[in-house]
Amino acid sequence: MYSENFLLAIISTSASLLLVWFVWNAAIRPQKSNVLRDVPWAKTAAQGRFLSRLFSEPTAPELHQYIKDTPNQGLIQYTGILGKRRILVTSPELISEILNEKAYTLQKTTERKRKLGPILGNGLVMAEGEDAKAGLT
């Protein structure tokens, strides 16, 4: 069938591509071209805690420490599980704006829809845009 060298080459190429994809998505792309590049990174997230964040999200006390230690204008970035970028809203004015004025323009993430959709259904909590507006009338 296939030679041992051929299979070894396929496996090593696949592993290399997976590593490059992971490094790109976890470390390079978030820093490169992003509209949030001026939003400060949480002090502890920027100090090499990447490996500890591979499999867990920060706890509430850690998030509170981010807020205390990071000078910000109402937003802080930090690294979540698997290196995903998270945004922490720290300003009461911004929270109010998001909940009251931008509620219909902000979309829920695909991950959130996938996890909470089966539990909550497509009710007012999960509805977006015009569906959410229609649910309020």
N, C-alpha and C. Protein backbone atom coordinates (compact mmCIF):
# COMPACT_ATOMS: atom_id res chain seq x y z
N MET A 1 0.83 -1.18 0.00
CA MET A 1 0.00 0.00 0.00
C MET A 1 0.88 1.25 0.00
N TYR A 2 0.97 1.95 1.11
CA TYR A 2 1.83 3.13 1.22
C TYR A 2 3.10 2.78 1.96
N SER A 3 4.17 3.42 1.57
CA SER A 3 5.44 3.14 2.24
C SER A 3 5.45 3.83 3.60
N GLU A 4 6.29 3.33 4.47
CA GLU A 4 6.40 3.88 5.82
C GLU A 4 6.88 5.33 5.78
N ASN A 5 7.79 5.63 4.87
CA ASN A 5 8.31 7.01 4.74
C ASN A 5 7.21 7.97 4.30
N PHE A 6 6.35 7.52 3.41
CA PHE A 6 5.26 8.37 2.93
C PHE A 6 4.30 8.71 4.08
N LEU A 7 3.92 7.68 4.86
CA LEU A 7 3.03 7.92 6.00
C LEU A 7 3.68 8.82 7.04
N LEU A 8 4.95 8.62 7.27
CA LEU A 8 5.67 9.48 8.23
C LEU A 8 5.72 10.92 7.74
N ALA A 9 5.90 11.12 6.44
CA ALA A 9 5.91 12.47 5.87
C ALA A 9 4.55 13.13 6.01
N ILE A 10 3.47 12.38 5.79
CA ILE A 10 2.11 12.92 5.94
C ILE A 10 1.85 13.33 7.38
N ILE A 11 2.23 12.49 8.31
CA ILE A 11 2.01 12.78 9.74
C ILE A 11 2.82 14.00 10.18
N SER A 12 4.09 14.05 9.79
CA SER A 12 4.92 15.19 10.22
C SER A 12 4.47 16.49 9.57
N THR A 13 4.03 16.43 8.31
CA THR A 13 3.52 17.63 7.64
C THR A 13 2.24 18.11 8.32
N SER A 14 1.36 17.18 8.65
CA SER A 14 0.11 17.54 9.33
C SER A 14 0.38 18.17 10.69
N ALA A 15 1.29 17.58 11.44
CA ALA A 15 1.65 18.12 12.76
C ALA A 15 2.26 19.50 12.63
N SER A 16 3.11 19.69 11.63
CA SER A 16 3.73 21.00 11.42
C SER A 16 2.68 22.05 11.06
N LEU A 17 1.75 21.69 10.18
CA LEU A 17 0.69 22.64 9.80
C LEU A 17 -0.20 22.98 10.98
N LEU A 18 -0.51 21.99 11.81
CA LEU A 18 -1.31 22.24 13.00
C LEU A 18 -0.59 23.18 13.96
N LEU A 19 0.70 22.99 14.14
CA LEU A 19 1.48 23.86 15.00
C LEU A 19 1.51 25.29 14.46
N VAL A 20 1.74 25.44 13.17
CA VAL A 20 1.76 26.77 12.56
C VAL A 20 0.40 27.44 12.71
N TRP A 21 -0.68 26.69 12.47
CA TRP A 21 -2.04 27.24 12.61
C TRP A 21 -2.28 27.70 14.04
N PHE A 22 -1.87 26.88 15.02
CA PHE A 22 -2.09 27.23 16.42
C PHE A 22 -1.31 28.48 16.81
N VAL A 23 -0.04 28.54 16.43
CA VAL A 23 0.78 29.71 16.77
C VAL A 23 0.22 30.96 16.10
N TRP A 24 -0.20 30.84 14.84
CA TRP A 24 -0.77 31.98 14.14
C TRP A 24 -2.03 32.48 14.84
N ASN A 25 -2.96 31.60 15.16
CA ASN A 25 -4.22 32.00 15.76
C ASN A 25 -4.09 32.44 17.21
N ALA A 26 -3.15 31.86 17.92
CA ALA A 26 -3.02 32.18 19.34
C ALA A 26 -2.10 33.34 19.64
N ALA A 27 -1.08 33.54 18.82
CA ALA A 27 -0.07 34.53 19.18
C ALA A 27 0.11 35.64 18.15
N ILE A 28 0.12 35.33 16.89
CA ILE A 28 0.47 36.33 15.88
C ILE A 28 -0.73 37.12 15.41
N ARG A 29 -1.79 36.45 14.97
CA ARG A 29 -2.94 37.15 14.41
C ARG A 29 -3.58 38.15 15.39
N PRO A 30 -3.75 37.79 16.67
CA PRO A 30 -4.35 38.77 17.58
C PRO A 30 -3.57 40.07 17.68
N GLN A 31 -2.24 40.03 17.46
CA GLN A 31 -1.42 41.22 17.59
C GLN A 31 -1.34 42.02 16.30
N LYS A 32 -1.56 41.36 15.17
CA LYS A 32 -1.29 41.95 13.87
C LYS A 32 -2.30 43.04 13.53
N SER A 33 -3.26 42.74 12.72
CA SER A 33 -4.20 43.76 12.26
C SER A 33 -5.54 43.55 12.95
N ASN A 34 -5.84 44.44 13.87
CA ASN A 34 -7.06 44.31 14.62
C ASN A 34 -7.53 45.69 15.05
N VAL A 35 -8.83 45.90 15.02
CA VAL A 35 -9.36 47.20 15.43
C VAL A 35 -9.16 47.42 16.93
N LEU A 36 -8.87 46.38 17.67
CA LEU A 36 -8.68 46.50 19.11
C LEU A 36 -7.20 46.60 19.51
N ARG A 37 -6.34 46.89 18.55
CA ARG A 37 -4.91 46.88 18.87
C ARG A 37 -4.51 47.95 19.88
N ASP A 38 -5.33 49.00 20.06
CA ASP A 38 -5.00 50.03 21.03
C ASP A 38 -5.60 49.75 22.42
N VAL A 39 -6.40 48.72 22.51
CA VAL A 39 -6.97 48.34 23.81
C VAL A 39 -5.87 47.64 24.60
N PRO A 40 -5.62 48.07 25.84
CA PRO A 40 -4.50 47.48 26.59
C PRO A 40 -4.74 46.02 26.95
N TRP A 41 -3.66 45.25 26.97
CA TRP A 41 -3.71 43.87 27.41
C TRP A 41 -3.57 43.85 28.93
N ALA A 42 -4.28 42.95 29.57
CA ALA A 42 -4.17 42.80 31.02
C ALA A 42 -2.74 42.49 31.38
N LYS A 43 -2.27 43.09 32.45
CA LYS A 43 -0.87 42.94 32.84
C LYS A 43 -0.48 41.48 33.01
N THR A 44 -1.26 40.70 33.72
CA THR A 44 -0.88 39.30 33.95
C THR A 44 -0.99 38.48 32.68
N ALA A 45 -1.91 38.80 31.78
CA ALA A 45 -2.04 38.05 30.52
C ALA A 45 -0.86 38.33 29.61
N ALA A 46 -0.25 39.50 29.73
CA ALA A 46 0.86 39.86 28.84
C ALA A 46 2.21 39.40 29.38
N GLN A 47 2.22 38.81 30.57
CA GLN A 47 3.50 38.46 31.19
C GLN A 47 3.78 36.96 31.14
N GLY A 48 3.53 36.34 29.98
CA GLY A 48 3.92 34.95 29.79
C GLY A 48 3.04 33.92 30.46
N ARG A 49 1.79 34.25 30.71
CA ARG A 49 0.89 33.28 31.33
C ARG A 49 0.13 32.50 30.27
N PHE A 50 0.65 32.51 29.05
CA PHE A 50 -0.04 31.87 27.93
C PHE A 50 -0.31 30.40 28.19
N LEU A 51 0.69 29.67 28.64
CA LEU A 51 0.51 28.23 28.85
C LEU A 51 -0.53 27.92 29.92
N SER A 52 -0.60 28.74 30.95
CA SER A 52 -1.60 28.49 32.00
C SER A 52 -3.01 28.77 31.48
N ARG A 53 -3.14 29.52 30.40
CA ARG A 53 -4.44 29.85 29.83
C ARG A 53 -4.85 28.92 28.70
N LEU A 54 -4.05 27.92 28.43
CA LEU A 54 -4.41 27.01 27.34
C LEU A 54 -5.71 26.27 27.63
N PHE A 55 -5.91 25.88 28.87
CA PHE A 55 -7.04 25.02 29.19
C PHE A 55 -8.00 25.59 30.23
N SER A 56 -7.84 26.87 30.58
CA SER A 56 -8.77 27.44 31.56
C SER A 56 -8.94 28.94 31.34
N GLU A 57 -10.08 29.44 31.76
CA GLU A 57 -10.36 30.87 31.73
C GLU A 57 -9.93 31.48 33.05
N PRO A 58 -9.64 32.78 33.07
CA PRO A 58 -9.30 33.42 34.35
C PRO A 58 -10.48 33.37 35.31
N THR A 59 -10.19 33.30 36.57
CA THR A 59 -11.23 33.31 37.60
C THR A 59 -11.68 34.75 37.85
N ALA A 60 -12.77 34.91 38.57
CA ALA A 60 -13.27 36.26 38.88
C ALA A 60 -12.23 37.09 39.64
N PRO A 61 -11.54 36.53 40.65
CA PRO A 61 -10.50 37.33 41.31
C PRO A 61 -9.37 37.75 40.36
N GLU A 62 -9.02 36.89 39.41
CA GLU A 62 -7.98 37.27 38.43
C GLU A 62 -8.47 38.41 37.55
N LEU A 63 -9.73 38.35 37.11
CA LEU A 63 -10.28 39.44 36.30
C LEU A 63 -10.30 40.74 37.09
N HIS A 64 -10.66 40.66 38.36
CA HIS A 64 -10.65 41.85 39.22
C HIS A 64 -9.23 42.42 39.33
N GLN A 65 -8.25 41.53 39.42
CA GLN A 65 -6.84 41.97 39.47
C GLN A 65 -6.43 42.64 38.17
N TYR A 66 -6.91 42.11 37.04
CA TYR A 66 -6.63 42.74 35.74
C TYR A 66 -7.12 44.19 35.74
N ILE A 67 -8.33 44.38 36.26
CA ILE A 67 -8.93 45.72 36.28
C ILE A 67 -8.09 46.66 37.15
N LYS A 68 -7.65 46.18 38.30
CA LYS A 68 -6.87 47.02 39.21
C LYS A 68 -5.48 47.34 38.66
N ASP A 69 -4.85 46.37 37.98
CA ASP A 69 -3.46 46.53 37.57
C ASP A 69 -3.27 47.14 36.18
N THR A 70 -4.31 47.17 35.36
CA THR A 70 -4.15 47.61 33.97
C THR A 70 -4.81 48.96 33.75
N PRO A 71 -4.03 50.00 33.46
CA PRO A 71 -4.64 51.29 33.12
C PRO A 71 -5.47 51.11 31.84
N ASN A 72 -6.72 51.59 31.86
CA ASN A 72 -7.59 51.37 30.71
C ASN A 72 -8.62 52.47 30.59
N GLN A 73 -9.27 52.49 29.43
CA GLN A 73 -10.32 53.47 29.14
C GLN A 73 -11.70 52.79 29.12
N GLY A 74 -11.83 51.68 29.81
CA GLY A 74 -13.11 50.96 29.86
C GLY A 74 -13.07 49.60 29.22
N LEU A 75 -11.98 49.26 28.54
CA LEU A 75 -11.83 47.94 27.93
C LEU A 75 -10.44 47.38 28.22
N ILE A 76 -10.39 46.08 28.47
CA ILE A 76 -9.12 45.38 28.67
C ILE A 76 -9.18 44.09 27.86
N GLN A 77 -8.07 43.75 27.21
CA GLN A 77 -7.97 42.48 26.51
C GLN A 77 -7.23 41.49 27.41
N TYR A 78 -7.63 40.25 27.33
CA TYR A 78 -6.87 39.20 28.01
C TYR A 78 -6.99 37.91 27.21
N THR A 79 -6.13 36.96 27.52
CA THR A 79 -6.11 35.70 26.80
C THR A 79 -6.96 34.69 27.55
N GLY A 80 -7.90 34.10 26.83
CA GLY A 80 -8.76 33.07 27.41
C GLY A 80 -8.30 31.69 27.01
N ILE A 81 -9.18 30.76 27.14
CA ILE A 81 -8.89 29.35 26.85
C ILE A 81 -8.45 29.18 25.39
N LEU A 82 -7.44 28.36 25.19
CA LEU A 82 -6.85 28.08 23.88
C LEU A 82 -6.33 29.33 23.18
N GLY A 83 -5.95 30.32 23.97
CA GLY A 83 -5.35 31.53 23.41
C GLY A 83 -6.34 32.48 22.77
N LYS A 84 -7.63 32.30 23.00
CA LYS A 84 -8.62 33.18 22.39
C LYS A 84 -8.63 34.53 23.09
N ARG A 85 -8.76 35.57 22.29
CA ARG A 85 -8.81 36.93 22.81
C ARG A 85 -10.17 37.17 23.46
N ARG A 86 -10.13 37.75 24.63
CA ARG A 86 -11.34 38.13 25.34
C ARG A 86 -11.29 39.62 25.63
N ILE A 87 -12.45 40.25 25.66
CA ILE A 87 -12.55 41.67 25.99
C ILE A 87 -13.33 41.80 27.29
N LEU A 88 -12.76 42.52 28.22
CA LEU A 88 -13.40 42.76 29.51
C LEU A 88 -13.82 44.23 29.55
N VAL A 89 -15.12 44.46 29.73
CA VAL A 89 -15.65 45.82 29.81
C VAL A 89 -15.59 46.23 31.27
N THR A 90 -14.90 47.35 31.55
CA THR A 90 -14.67 47.75 32.94
C THR A 90 -15.40 49.04 33.32
N SER A 91 -15.95 49.73 32.35
CA SER A 91 -16.57 51.02 32.62
C SER A 91 -18.09 50.88 32.72
N PRO A 92 -18.70 51.40 33.78
CA PRO A 92 -20.16 51.35 33.90
C PRO A 92 -20.87 52.04 32.73
N GLU A 93 -20.27 53.13 32.23
CA GLU A 93 -20.87 53.83 31.09
C GLU A 93 -20.88 52.95 29.84
N LEU A 94 -19.78 52.24 29.61
CA LEU A 94 -19.70 51.34 28.46
C LEU A 94 -20.66 50.16 28.61
N ILE A 95 -20.77 49.62 29.80
CA ILE A 95 -21.71 48.52 30.03
C ILE A 95 -23.13 48.98 29.74
N SER A 96 -23.47 50.16 30.21
CA SER A 96 -24.79 50.72 29.95
C SER A 96 -25.04 50.91 28.46
N GLU A 97 -24.04 51.44 27.76
CA GLU A 97 -24.18 51.65 26.32
C GLU A 97 -24.38 50.32 25.58
N ILE A 98 -23.61 49.31 25.97
CA ILE A 98 -23.73 48.00 25.32
C ILE A 98 -25.10 47.40 25.57
N LEU A 99 -25.57 47.45 26.80
CA LEU A 99 -26.85 46.81 27.13
C LEU A 99 -28.05 47.60 26.63
N ASN A 100 -27.97 48.92 26.62
CA ASN A 100 -29.14 49.73 26.27
C ASN A 100 -29.17 50.20 24.83
N GLU A 101 -28.03 50.60 24.29
CA GLU A 101 -28.02 51.20 22.96
C GLU A 101 -27.52 50.26 21.87
N LYS A 102 -26.63 49.36 22.20
CA LYS A 102 -26.01 48.50 21.19
C LYS A 102 -26.50 47.05 21.26
N ALA A 103 -27.49 46.79 22.08
CA ALA A 103 -27.93 45.40 22.29
C ALA A 103 -28.35 44.71 21.00
N TYR A 104 -28.90 45.46 20.05
CA TYR A 104 -29.39 44.85 18.82
C TYR A 104 -28.34 44.78 17.72
N THR A 105 -27.26 45.51 17.88
CA THR A 105 -26.23 45.49 16.83
C THR A 105 -25.10 44.51 17.14
N LEU A 106 -24.92 44.18 18.41
CA LEU A 106 -23.86 43.24 18.78
C LEU A 106 -24.39 41.82 18.64
N GLN A 107 -23.59 40.96 18.03
CA GLN A 107 -24.02 39.58 17.83
C GLN A 107 -23.36 38.66 18.83
N LYS A 108 -24.07 37.62 19.18
CA LYS A 108 -23.51 36.61 20.06
C LYS A 108 -22.54 35.74 19.26
N THR A 109 -21.53 35.24 19.93
CA THR A 109 -20.55 34.41 19.23
C THR A 109 -21.16 33.08 18.84
N THR A 110 -20.59 32.47 17.82
CA THR A 110 -21.05 31.15 17.38
C THR A 110 -20.91 30.14 18.50
N GLU A 111 -19.82 30.27 19.26
CA GLU A 111 -19.58 29.36 20.38
C GLU A 111 -20.69 29.48 21.42
N ARG A 112 -21.08 30.71 21.73
CA ARG A 112 -22.14 30.93 22.71
C ARG A 112 -23.47 30.37 22.19
N LYS A 113 -23.77 30.62 20.92
CA LYS A 113 -25.01 30.09 20.34
C LYS A 113 -25.03 28.56 20.40
N ARG A 114 -23.89 27.97 20.07
CA ARG A 114 -23.81 26.50 20.04
C ARG A 114 -23.98 25.91 21.43
N LYS A 115 -23.39 26.54 22.44
CA LYS A 115 -23.46 25.99 23.79
C LYS A 115 -24.78 26.30 24.49
N LEU A 116 -25.27 27.54 24.35
CA LEU A 116 -26.46 27.93 25.09
C LEU A 116 -27.76 27.74 24.31
N GLY A 117 -27.67 27.69 22.98
CA GLY A 117 -28.87 27.54 22.16
C GLY A 117 -29.73 26.36 22.53
N PRO A 118 -29.16 25.16 22.65
CA PRO A 118 -29.99 24.01 23.01
C PRO A 118 -30.62 24.12 24.39
N ILE A 119 -29.97 24.84 25.29
CA ILE A 119 -30.49 24.98 26.65
C ILE A 119 -31.57 26.05 26.71
N LEU A 120 -31.30 27.22 26.12
CA LEU A 120 -32.19 28.36 26.24
C LEU A 120 -33.19 28.49 25.10
N GLY A 121 -32.95 27.80 23.99
CA GLY A 121 -33.82 27.94 22.83
C GLY A 121 -33.60 29.30 22.17
N ASN A 122 -34.50 29.68 21.25
CA ASN A 122 -34.36 30.96 20.57
C ASN A 122 -35.31 31.98 21.18
N GLY A 123 -35.22 32.13 22.49
CA GLY A 123 -36.06 33.09 23.18
C GLY A 123 -35.39 34.45 23.23
N LEU A 124 -35.87 35.29 24.11
CA LEU A 124 -35.39 36.66 24.20
C LEU A 124 -33.90 36.74 24.54
N VAL A 125 -33.40 35.80 25.34
CA VAL A 125 -31.99 35.83 25.74
C VAL A 125 -31.08 35.56 24.55
N MET A 126 -31.45 34.65 23.67
CA MET A 126 -30.59 34.25 22.56
C MET A 126 -30.92 34.97 21.25
N ALA A 127 -32.06 35.64 21.18
CA ALA A 127 -32.46 36.31 19.94
C ALA A 127 -31.53 37.49 19.66
N GLU A 128 -31.41 37.81 18.37
CA GLU A 128 -30.54 38.91 17.95
C GLU A 128 -31.28 39.82 16.98
N GLY A 129 -30.81 41.05 16.91
CA GLY A 129 -31.31 42.00 15.91
C GLY A 129 -32.81 42.17 15.92
N GLU A 130 -33.43 42.04 14.75
CA GLU A 130 -34.87 42.25 14.61
C GLU A 130 -35.69 41.24 15.40
N ASP A 131 -35.18 40.00 15.54
CA ASP A 131 -35.90 38.98 16.33
C ASP A 131 -35.98 39.43 17.78
N ALA A 132 -34.91 40.00 18.31
CA ALA A 132 -34.92 40.47 19.70
C ALA A 132 -35.86 41.65 19.86
N LYS A 133 -35.87 42.58 18.89
CA LYS A 133 -36.78 43.72 18.96
C LYS A 133 -38.22 43.27 18.93
N ALA A 134 -38.52 42.30 18.06
CA ALA A 134 -39.88 41.80 17.93
C ALA A 134 -40.33 41.12 19.24
N GLY A 135 -39.37 40.47 19.94
CA GLY A 135 -39.71 39.80 21.19
C GLY A 135 -40.06 40.75 22.30
N LEU A 136 -39.60 42.00 22.21
CA LEU A 136 -39.88 42.99 23.25
C LEU A 136 -41.21 43.69 23.06
N THR A 137 -41.78 43.62 21.88
CA THR A 137 -43.05 44.34 21.64
C THR A 137 -44.24 43.50 21.95
